[in-house]
Amino acid sequence: MKINGLLIANPLEYVKISTFFEDIARYRKLSGGGASAVISGSRGIYFQTSATAGSYVSIDEGGSLPNVNYFTSPTSLTIGMYLVTRGTDYEWFGVVGYISNSAAGANFANGHYGFRIVRGGNGAEVVYATNSNNTNQTQTDITATISFQPTYGNVFTAIYENSCIKFYVNGVLGATHTTNLPNAGNSSYMFDTGCSNLNVATDSRIGISFLEYAQKRI
């Protein structure tokens, strides 16, 4: 199977779950400060923060399936993300697992692996690879290594296999993590994605065109 152009074993060995976010009712939404998550036809879902300080929104899939472990290695996550409107300050994340989002920004202490983007003070975006074992987080600034396109679409891929997680952006390897890896019992959430304006009165509009989760058959 190829994920973002990367060959991953035999396709018959994997179960894949993909979504283009056809129906917002399928997901749990958390929001505050006038933020919204809106389905936009073939373009996926838009996250919109308002120009009110403390605006945030996120959606997740899972939580009601306590006996499912989405961290059983090998697994992978692929997300198509693009920016429509860039506020002076924003944070976006897309992970396998669960992130506690709030007016001040996201808390990355919970079990997860995936990506985080931060823009502050009207500066350039900083892209991070991130994971946590539900206690400690490992995070790497991969901005200088990968080719993030703030005004175009970007494909984020994280592959968790052989006691490490490899993080790719637009097909370029940004980091390999071997510490604080999530494990069984950390989370029953398949994915979580969202954004906030980091408690600054600025609005952003972020699109997620698709998401794919894959897990090797047991």
Protein backbone atom coordinates (compact mmCIF):
# COMPACT_ATOMS: atom_id res chain seq x y z
CA MET A 1 0.00 0.00 0.00
CA LYS A 2 1.19 3.55 -0.71
CA ILE A 3 0.47 6.34 1.73
CA ASN A 4 1.39 9.74 0.32
CA GLY A 5 3.55 7.97 -2.24
CA LEU A 6 5.29 5.85 0.41
CA LEU A 7 5.17 2.07 0.01
CA ILE A 8 3.81 0.41 3.14
CA ALA A 9 3.80 -3.43 3.01
CA ASN A 10 0.95 -5.44 1.49
CA PRO A 11 -2.38 -3.58 1.03
CA LEU A 12 -4.29 -6.71 2.07
CA GLU A 13 -2.61 -6.51 5.48
CA TYR A 14 -4.13 -3.12 6.30
CA VAL A 15 -7.55 -1.78 7.22
CA LYS A 16 -8.06 1.79 6.01
CA ILE A 17 -10.68 4.28 7.11
CA SER A 18 -10.96 7.41 4.99
CA THR A 19 -13.22 10.44 5.17
CA PHE A 20 -13.83 13.55 3.10
CA PHE A 21 -15.99 14.92 5.95
CA GLU A 22 -19.26 14.51 4.09
CA ASP A 23 -21.42 14.96 7.20
CA ILE A 24 -20.46 16.97 10.29
CA ALA A 25 -23.02 15.03 12.36
CA ARG A 26 -20.70 12.00 12.26
CA TYR A 27 -18.17 13.74 14.51
CA ARG A 28 -18.11 15.23 17.97
CA LYS A 29 -17.50 18.98 17.81
CA LEU A 30 -16.09 21.14 20.61
CA SER A 31 -15.94 24.90 20.19
CA GLY A 32 -16.02 28.28 21.90
CA GLY A 33 -15.68 31.99 21.19
CA GLY A 34 -17.79 31.93 18.04
CA ALA A 35 -15.69 29.33 16.17
CA SER A 36 -17.32 26.88 13.75
CA ALA A 37 -16.72 23.73 11.71
CA VAL A 38 -18.61 23.64 8.42
CA ILE A 39 -18.76 21.02 5.66
CA SER A 40 -18.04 22.55 2.26
CA GLY A 41 -19.04 20.00 -0.38
CA SER A 42 -16.09 18.40 -2.16
CA ARG A 43 -13.59 20.62 -0.35
CA GLY A 44 -13.99 18.86 3.00
CA ILE A 45 -14.40 20.77 6.24
CA TYR A 46 -13.59 24.36 7.17
CA PHE A 47 -12.51 25.36 10.65
CA GLN A 48 -13.31 29.05 11.24
CA THR A 49 -12.11 30.94 14.29
CA SER A 50 -13.74 34.29 14.96
CA ALA A 51 -12.09 37.66 15.67
CA THR A 52 -12.90 37.11 19.35
CA ALA A 53 -9.98 36.27 21.63
CA GLY A 54 -10.26 32.68 22.80
CA SER A 55 -11.99 31.30 19.72
CA TYR A 56 -11.37 27.57 19.16
CA VAL A 57 -12.92 24.53 17.49
CA SER A 58 -12.08 20.83 17.07
CA ILE A 59 -13.72 17.60 15.95
CA ASP A 60 -12.86 14.02 16.85
CA GLU A 61 -13.86 10.48 15.98
CA GLY A 62 -13.99 7.86 18.73
CA GLY A 63 -14.29 8.11 22.47
CA SER A 64 -17.37 5.91 22.55
CA LEU A 65 -15.33 2.80 21.67
CA PRO A 66 -13.28 2.15 24.84
CA ASN A 67 -12.07 -1.29 23.76
CA VAL A 68 -10.50 -0.07 20.50
CA ASN A 69 -6.79 0.76 20.53
CA TYR A 70 -5.86 3.03 17.63
CA PHE A 71 -2.19 3.01 18.61
CA THR A 72 -1.58 -0.67 17.88
CA SER A 73 1.52 -0.52 15.68
CA PRO A 74 1.76 -0.40 12.69
CA THR A 75 -0.69 2.44 12.07
CA SER A 76 -0.62 5.62 10.00
CA LEU A 77 -2.38 8.95 9.59
CA THR A 78 -2.62 11.09 6.44
CA ILE A 79 -4.28 14.52 6.39
CA GLY A 80 -4.80 16.99 3.55
CA MET A 81 -4.74 20.54 5.00
CA TYR A 82 -4.87 24.00 3.45
CA LEU A 83 -5.16 27.61 4.65
CA VAL A 84 -7.92 29.86 3.36
CA THR A 85 -7.43 32.81 5.72
CA ARG A 86 -4.33 33.21 7.89
CA GLY A 87 -4.90 35.12 11.09
CA THR A 88 -1.95 36.79 12.78
CA ASP A 89 -2.07 34.07 15.46
CA TYR A 90 -3.37 30.53 15.20
CA GLU A 91 -2.66 26.94 16.14
CA TRP A 92 -3.75 23.86 14.18
CA PHE A 93 -3.31 20.18 15.02
CA GLY A 94 -4.14 16.85 13.41
CA VAL A 95 -3.41 13.64 15.32
CA VAL A 96 -4.29 10.05 16.04
CA GLY A 97 -5.46 10.19 19.64
CA TYR A 98 -7.01 13.03 21.61
CA ILE A 99 -6.00 16.67 22.14
CA SER A 100 -7.69 18.90 24.70
CA ASN A 101 -8.41 22.14 22.82
CA SER A 102 -9.29 25.42 24.56
CA ALA A 103 -9.32 29.21 24.26
CA ALA A 104 -5.61 29.42 25.11
CA GLY A 105 -4.62 26.67 22.67
CA ALA A 106 -4.21 22.90 22.68
CA ASN A 107 -2.88 20.66 25.44
CA PHE A 108 -0.64 17.93 24.02
CA ALA A 109 -0.27 15.85 27.20
CA ASN A 110 -2.78 13.18 26.15
CA GLY A 111 -1.70 10.12 24.16
CA HIS A 112 -1.35 11.02 20.47
CA TYR A 113 0.88 11.26 17.41
CA GLY A 114 0.63 13.69 14.54
CA PHE A 115 1.27 17.32 13.65
CA ARG A 116 0.99 20.82 15.06
CA ILE A 117 1.32 24.22 13.35
CA VAL A 118 1.72 27.52 15.22
CA ARG A 119 1.73 31.06 13.90
CA GLY A 120 2.29 33.95 16.30
CA GLY A 121 2.55 37.71 15.95
CA ASN A 122 1.92 37.65 12.18
CA GLY A 123 5.11 35.64 11.69
CA ALA A 124 5.85 32.51 9.68
CA GLU A 125 4.27 29.17 10.49
CA VAL A 126 6.24 26.74 12.65
CA VAL A 127 5.49 23.07 11.92
CA TYR A 128 5.99 20.42 14.61
CA ALA A 129 5.99 16.64 14.72
CA THR A 130 4.47 15.60 18.04
CA ASN A 131 3.60 12.55 20.10
CA SER A 132 2.91 11.68 23.73
CA ASN A 133 2.56 8.54 25.84
CA ASN A 134 -0.15 10.20 27.95
CA THR A 135 2.48 11.55 30.36
CA ASN A 136 5.38 13.06 28.42
CA GLN A 137 5.50 14.69 24.99
CA THR A 138 8.19 14.53 22.29
CA GLN A 139 8.02 17.46 19.87
CA THR A 140 10.35 18.46 17.01
CA ASP A 141 10.35 21.66 14.96
CA ILE A 142 10.50 20.32 11.39
CA THR A 143 9.88 23.63 9.60
CA ALA A 144 13.38 23.92 8.11
CA THR A 145 13.41 20.29 6.94
CA ILE A 146 10.09 20.02 5.14
CA SER A 147 8.41 22.20 2.49
CA PHE A 148 5.25 23.62 4.07
CA GLN A 149 3.11 25.72 1.70
CA PRO A 150 1.04 28.25 3.70
CA THR A 151 -1.02 29.35 0.66
CA TYR A 152 -1.43 25.93 -0.96
CA GLY A 153 -2.52 22.44 0.05
CA ASN A 154 -0.28 20.27 2.23
CA VAL A 155 -0.30 16.54 2.91
CA PHE A 156 0.79 15.39 6.36
CA THR A 157 1.65 11.71 6.91
CA ALA A 158 2.73 10.04 10.15
CA ILE A 159 3.68 6.33 10.16
CA TYR A 160 3.94 4.46 13.46
CA GLU A 161 5.84 1.21 12.97
CA ASN A 162 8.82 -0.72 14.40
CA SER A 163 9.01 1.28 17.64
CA CYS A 164 9.26 4.65 15.91
CA ILE A 165 7.09 7.29 14.28
CA LYS A 166 8.12 8.91 11.00
CA PHE A 167 6.63 12.28 10.11
CA TYR A 168 6.35 13.44 6.50
CA VAL A 169 5.07 16.70 5.00
CA ASN A 170 4.43 16.74 1.26
CA GLY A 171 6.48 13.56 0.92
CA VAL A 172 9.55 14.91 2.78
CA LEU A 173 10.68 13.21 6.00
CA GLY A 174 10.77 15.80 8.77
CA ALA A 175 11.52 13.73 11.87
CA THR A 176 11.70 10.25 13.36
CA HIS A 177 10.64 9.86 16.99
CA THR A 178 11.50 6.93 19.25
CA THR A 179 10.61 8.36 22.69
CA ASN A 180 7.28 8.82 24.51
CA LEU A 181 5.44 6.71 21.94
CA PRO A 182 1.71 6.21 22.57
CA ASN A 183 0.66 2.70 23.46
CA ALA A 184 -2.31 0.53 24.35
CA GLY A 185 -4.65 2.21 26.79
CA ASN A 186 -3.55 5.76 25.92
CA SER A 187 -6.63 6.61 23.86
CA SER A 188 -9.65 5.19 22.09
CA TYR A 189 -9.83 8.17 19.71
CA MET A 190 -9.10 7.46 16.05
CA PHE A 191 -8.33 11.09 15.27
CA ASP A 192 -8.66 14.63 16.54
CA THR A 193 -8.15 17.84 14.54
CA GLY A 194 -8.85 21.48 15.23
CA CYS A 195 -7.54 25.00 15.67
CA SER A 196 -7.62 28.09 17.90
CA ASN A 197 -6.58 31.74 17.71
CA LEU A 198 -4.37 31.32 20.79
CA ASN A 199 -6.47 33.79 22.76
CA VAL A 200 -5.70 36.61 20.30
CA ALA A 201 -8.52 38.54 18.60
CA THR A 202 -7.83 37.33 15.04
CA ASP A 203 -9.72 35.02 12.71
CA SER A 204 -8.42 32.16 10.57
CA ARG A 205 -10.06 29.73 8.17
CA ILE A 206 -8.40 26.33 7.82
CA GLY A 207 -9.54 23.56 5.51
CA ILE A 208 -9.16 19.80 5.91
CA SER A 209 -9.83 18.16 2.54
CA PHE A 210 -9.43 14.53 3.62
CA LEU A 211 -8.18 12.25 6.37
CA GLU A 212 -7.08 8.61 6.23
CA TYR A 213 -6.26 6.26 9.09
CA ALA A 214 -4.72 2.83 8.48
CA GLN A 215 -3.98 -0.07 10.84
CA LYS A 216 -2.32 -3.40 10.14
CA ARG A 217 -4.61 -6.40 10.48
CA ILE A 218 -3.97 -8.51 13.56
